[in-house]
Amino acid sequence: MTEDDAPKQLLHLVFGGELTSLKGVTFRDLDALDIVGVFPDYRSAHTAWKARAQQTVDNAHMRYFIVHLHRLLDPDSADDKA
């Protein structure tokens, strides 16, 4: 498999933490952020996000996010759907 044949990496970061308020996205303690990991595609990132979010369902202030790193690394890319 050549580099051109390999599937394009669409990196996604999954992380979360406790928010100061339910109305915003300000974290209570940046040192306590939970970096779940970087994933090669949205599907695997979503699976990790869902698992971690379900583990913290009892804490209403705990939120997890998926960041589309590939969009930050290549903002002119046409792969906006992934």
N, C-alpha and C. Protein backbone atom coordinates (compact mmCIF):
# COMPACT_ATOMS: atom_id res chain seq x y z
N MET A 1 0.85 -1.17 0.00
CA MET A 1 0.00 0.00 0.00
C MET A 1 0.90 1.24 0.00
N THR A 2 0.71 2.09 -0.97
CA THR A 2 1.49 3.32 -1.03
C THR A 2 0.83 4.39 -0.19
N GLU A 3 1.56 5.48 0.00
CA GLU A 3 1.03 6.58 0.81
C GLU A 3 -0.25 7.15 0.19
N ASP A 4 -0.33 7.15 -1.14
CA ASP A 4 -1.53 7.66 -1.82
C ASP A 4 -2.72 6.73 -1.65
N ASP A 5 -2.47 5.44 -1.44
CA ASP A 5 -3.55 4.46 -1.28
C ASP A 5 -4.08 4.40 0.15
N ALA A 6 -3.29 4.87 1.10
CA ALA A 6 -3.69 4.80 2.51
C ALA A 6 -4.87 5.72 2.76
N PRO A 7 -5.79 5.29 3.62
CA PRO A 7 -6.92 6.17 3.94
C PRO A 7 -6.41 7.44 4.62
N LYS A 8 -7.06 8.54 4.32
CA LYS A 8 -6.67 9.82 4.88
C LYS A 8 -6.98 9.85 6.37
N GLN A 9 -6.02 10.30 7.17
CA GLN A 9 -6.25 10.41 8.61
C GLN A 9 -7.08 11.65 8.89
N LEU A 10 -8.16 11.46 9.59
CA LEU A 10 -9.01 12.57 10.02
C LEU A 10 -8.99 12.57 11.55
N LEU A 11 -7.92 13.14 12.10
CA LEU A 11 -7.68 13.07 13.53
C LEU A 11 -8.73 13.82 14.35
N HIS A 12 -9.13 13.19 15.47
CA HIS A 12 -10.10 13.76 16.38
C HIS A 12 -9.60 13.61 17.81
N LEU A 13 -9.75 14.65 18.61
CA LEU A 13 -9.36 14.66 20.01
C LEU A 13 -10.62 14.55 20.86
N VAL A 14 -10.59 13.67 21.84
CA VAL A 14 -11.70 13.55 22.80
C VAL A 14 -11.16 13.96 24.16
N PHE A 15 -11.83 14.93 24.77
CA PHE A 15 -11.43 15.38 26.10
C PHE A 15 -12.64 15.90 26.84
N GLY A 16 -12.49 16.07 28.14
CA GLY A 16 -13.59 16.59 28.93
C GLY A 16 -13.13 17.09 30.27
N GLY A 17 -14.09 17.64 30.98
CA GLY A 17 -13.80 18.15 32.30
C GLY A 17 -15.06 18.71 32.92
N GLU A 18 -14.91 19.14 34.16
CA GLU A 18 -16.04 19.69 34.89
C GLU A 18 -16.18 21.17 34.57
N LEU A 19 -17.38 21.58 34.22
CA LEU A 19 -17.65 22.97 33.87
C LEU A 19 -18.05 23.77 35.11
N THR A 20 -17.80 25.07 35.06
CA THR A 20 -18.20 25.93 36.17
C THR A 20 -19.70 26.20 36.15
N SER A 21 -20.31 26.12 34.96
CA SER A 21 -21.73 26.41 34.81
C SER A 21 -22.29 25.56 33.68
N LEU A 22 -23.56 25.25 33.78
CA LEU A 22 -24.20 24.48 32.70
C LEU A 22 -24.46 25.34 31.47
N LYS A 23 -24.33 26.65 31.61
CA LYS A 23 -24.64 27.57 30.50
C LYS A 23 -23.43 27.94 29.65
N GLY A 24 -22.25 27.49 30.01
CA GLY A 24 -21.06 27.89 29.26
C GLY A 24 -20.10 26.73 29.08
N VAL A 25 -18.93 27.06 28.58
CA VAL A 25 -17.89 26.06 28.37
C VAL A 25 -16.60 26.56 29.03
N THR A 26 -16.71 26.86 30.30
CA THR A 26 -15.55 27.24 31.09
C THR A 26 -15.27 26.12 32.08
N PHE A 27 -14.07 25.59 32.03
CA PHE A 27 -13.73 24.45 32.87
C PHE A 27 -13.34 24.91 34.27
N ARG A 28 -13.79 24.16 35.26
CA ARG A 28 -13.51 24.46 36.66
C ARG A 28 -12.02 24.39 36.97
N ASP A 29 -11.33 23.38 36.44
CA ASP A 29 -9.91 23.17 36.74
C ASP A 29 -9.22 22.62 35.50
N LEU A 30 -8.44 23.47 34.82
CA LEU A 30 -7.77 23.03 33.60
C LEU A 30 -6.76 21.92 33.85
N ASP A 31 -6.18 21.90 35.05
CA ASP A 31 -5.22 20.83 35.37
C ASP A 31 -5.90 19.47 35.50
N ALA A 32 -7.20 19.47 35.68
CA ALA A 32 -7.94 18.22 35.86
C ALA A 32 -8.65 17.77 34.59
N LEU A 33 -8.37 18.40 33.44
CA LEU A 33 -8.99 17.96 32.19
C LEU A 33 -8.65 16.49 31.93
N ASP A 34 -9.61 15.77 31.43
CA ASP A 34 -9.44 14.36 31.10
C ASP A 34 -9.22 14.26 29.60
N ILE A 35 -7.97 14.02 29.20
CA ILE A 35 -7.65 13.84 27.78
C ILE A 35 -7.83 12.35 27.49
N VAL A 36 -8.92 12.03 26.82
CA VAL A 36 -9.23 10.63 26.53
C VAL A 36 -8.28 10.09 25.47
N GLY A 37 -8.04 10.89 24.43
CA GLY A 37 -7.10 10.46 23.40
C GLY A 37 -7.35 11.10 22.06
N VAL A 38 -6.46 10.77 21.12
CA VAL A 38 -6.57 11.20 19.73
C VAL A 38 -6.91 9.97 18.91
N PHE A 39 -7.90 10.12 18.03
CA PHE A 39 -8.42 8.98 17.28
C PHE A 39 -8.32 9.26 15.78
N PRO A 40 -8.17 8.21 14.96
CA PRO A 40 -7.93 8.38 13.53
C PRO A 40 -9.17 8.69 12.70
N ASP A 41 -10.34 8.60 13.31
CA ASP A 41 -11.57 8.89 12.56
C ASP A 41 -12.68 9.25 13.53
N TYR A 42 -13.74 9.82 13.00
CA TYR A 42 -14.84 10.28 13.84
C TYR A 42 -15.53 9.12 14.56
N ARG A 43 -15.70 8.02 13.87
CA ARG A 43 -16.42 6.88 14.45
C ARG A 43 -15.76 6.39 15.74
N SER A 44 -14.44 6.21 15.72
CA SER A 44 -13.76 5.74 16.93
C SER A 44 -13.74 6.82 18.00
N ALA A 45 -13.64 8.09 17.60
CA ALA A 45 -13.71 9.19 18.57
C ALA A 45 -15.08 9.23 19.23
N HIS A 46 -16.11 9.06 18.46
CA HIS A 46 -17.47 9.08 19.00
C HIS A 46 -17.69 7.93 19.98
N THR A 47 -17.16 6.77 19.66
CA THR A 47 -17.28 5.62 20.56
C THR A 47 -16.61 5.91 21.90
N ALA A 48 -15.41 6.49 21.86
CA ALA A 48 -14.70 6.84 23.09
C ALA A 48 -15.42 7.95 23.85
N TRP A 49 -15.91 8.94 23.14
CA TRP A 49 -16.67 10.04 23.76
C TRP A 49 -17.90 9.51 24.49
N LYS A 50 -18.65 8.66 23.81
CA LYS A 50 -19.89 8.13 24.38
C LYS A 50 -19.60 7.30 25.63
N ALA A 51 -18.57 6.47 25.59
CA ALA A 51 -18.22 5.64 26.74
C ALA A 51 -17.84 6.50 27.93
N ARG A 52 -17.02 7.52 27.71
CA ARG A 52 -16.59 8.36 28.83
C ARG A 52 -17.73 9.21 29.35
N ALA A 53 -18.55 9.73 28.45
CA ALA A 53 -19.69 10.55 28.87
C ALA A 53 -20.66 9.71 29.72
N GLN A 54 -20.87 8.46 29.35
CA GLN A 54 -21.77 7.60 30.11
C GLN A 54 -21.21 7.28 31.49
N GLN A 55 -19.89 7.25 31.62
CA GLN A 55 -19.27 6.98 32.93
C GLN A 55 -19.48 8.13 33.90
N THR A 56 -19.71 9.33 33.37
CA THR A 56 -19.82 10.52 34.22
C THR A 56 -21.23 11.10 34.21
N VAL A 57 -22.21 10.32 33.85
CA VAL A 57 -23.58 10.80 33.69
C VAL A 57 -24.16 11.35 35.00
N ASP A 58 -23.66 10.92 36.13
CA ASP A 58 -24.19 11.40 37.41
C ASP A 58 -23.73 12.81 37.78
N ASN A 59 -22.74 13.34 37.07
CA ASN A 59 -22.24 14.69 37.33
C ASN A 59 -22.70 15.59 36.19
N ALA A 60 -23.71 16.40 36.45
CA ALA A 60 -24.29 17.26 35.40
C ALA A 60 -23.29 18.28 34.86
N HIS A 61 -22.27 18.62 35.63
CA HIS A 61 -21.29 19.61 35.18
C HIS A 61 -20.15 19.01 34.36
N MET A 62 -20.11 17.70 34.27
CA MET A 62 -19.04 17.04 33.52
C MET A 62 -19.44 16.95 32.05
N ARG A 63 -18.56 17.42 31.17
CA ARG A 63 -18.84 17.40 29.73
C ARG A 63 -17.62 16.89 28.97
N TYR A 64 -17.89 16.13 27.93
CA TYR A 64 -16.85 15.64 27.04
C TYR A 64 -17.11 16.18 25.64
N PHE A 65 -16.03 16.40 24.90
CA PHE A 65 -16.10 17.03 23.58
C PHE A 65 -15.26 16.24 22.59
N ILE A 66 -15.65 16.36 21.32
CA ILE A 66 -14.86 15.84 20.21
C ILE A 66 -14.39 17.05 19.41
N VAL A 67 -13.07 17.17 19.25
CA VAL A 67 -12.49 18.26 18.48
C VAL A 67 -11.97 17.67 17.17
N HIS A 68 -12.37 18.27 16.07
CA HIS A 68 -11.94 17.82 14.75
C HIS A 68 -10.55 18.40 14.46
N LEU A 69 -9.51 17.70 14.92
CA LEU A 69 -8.14 18.20 14.75
C LEU A 69 -7.77 18.35 13.28
N HIS A 70 -8.29 17.47 12.44
CA HIS A 70 -7.95 17.53 11.02
C HIS A 70 -8.40 18.85 10.40
N ARG A 71 -9.46 19.43 10.91
CA ARG A 71 -9.92 20.72 10.40
C ARG A 71 -9.01 21.85 10.84
N LEU A 72 -8.43 21.72 12.03
CA LEU A 72 -7.48 22.72 12.50
C LEU A 72 -6.15 22.61 11.77
N LEU A 73 -5.74 21.38 11.46
CA LEU A 73 -4.47 21.16 10.79
C LEU A 73 -4.53 21.52 9.31
N ASP A 74 -5.69 21.36 8.70
CA ASP A 74 -5.86 21.63 7.27
C ASP A 74 -7.21 22.31 7.06
N PRO A 75 -7.32 23.61 7.40
CA PRO A 75 -8.63 24.30 7.35
C PRO A 75 -9.20 24.44 5.94
N ASP A 76 -8.37 24.29 4.92
CA ASP A 76 -8.86 24.42 3.54
C ASP A 76 -9.32 23.09 2.96
N SER A 77 -9.26 22.03 3.76
CA SER A 77 -9.64 20.71 3.28
C SER A 77 -11.12 20.66 2.92
N ALA A 78 -11.44 19.84 1.95
CA ALA A 78 -12.83 19.67 1.52
C ALA A 78 -13.54 18.61 2.35
N ASP A 79 -12.84 17.97 3.28
CA ASP A 79 -13.43 16.89 4.09
C ASP A 79 -14.15 17.43 5.31
N ASP A 80 -15.12 18.31 5.12
CA ASP A 80 -15.85 18.88 6.24
C ASP A 80 -16.87 17.93 6.83
N LYS A 81 -17.26 16.92 6.12
CA LYS A 81 -18.31 16.01 6.56
C LYS A 81 -17.78 14.96 7.54
N ALA A 82 -16.48 14.74 7.55
CA ALA A 82 -15.93 13.65 8.39
C ALA A 82 -15.60 14.12 9.77
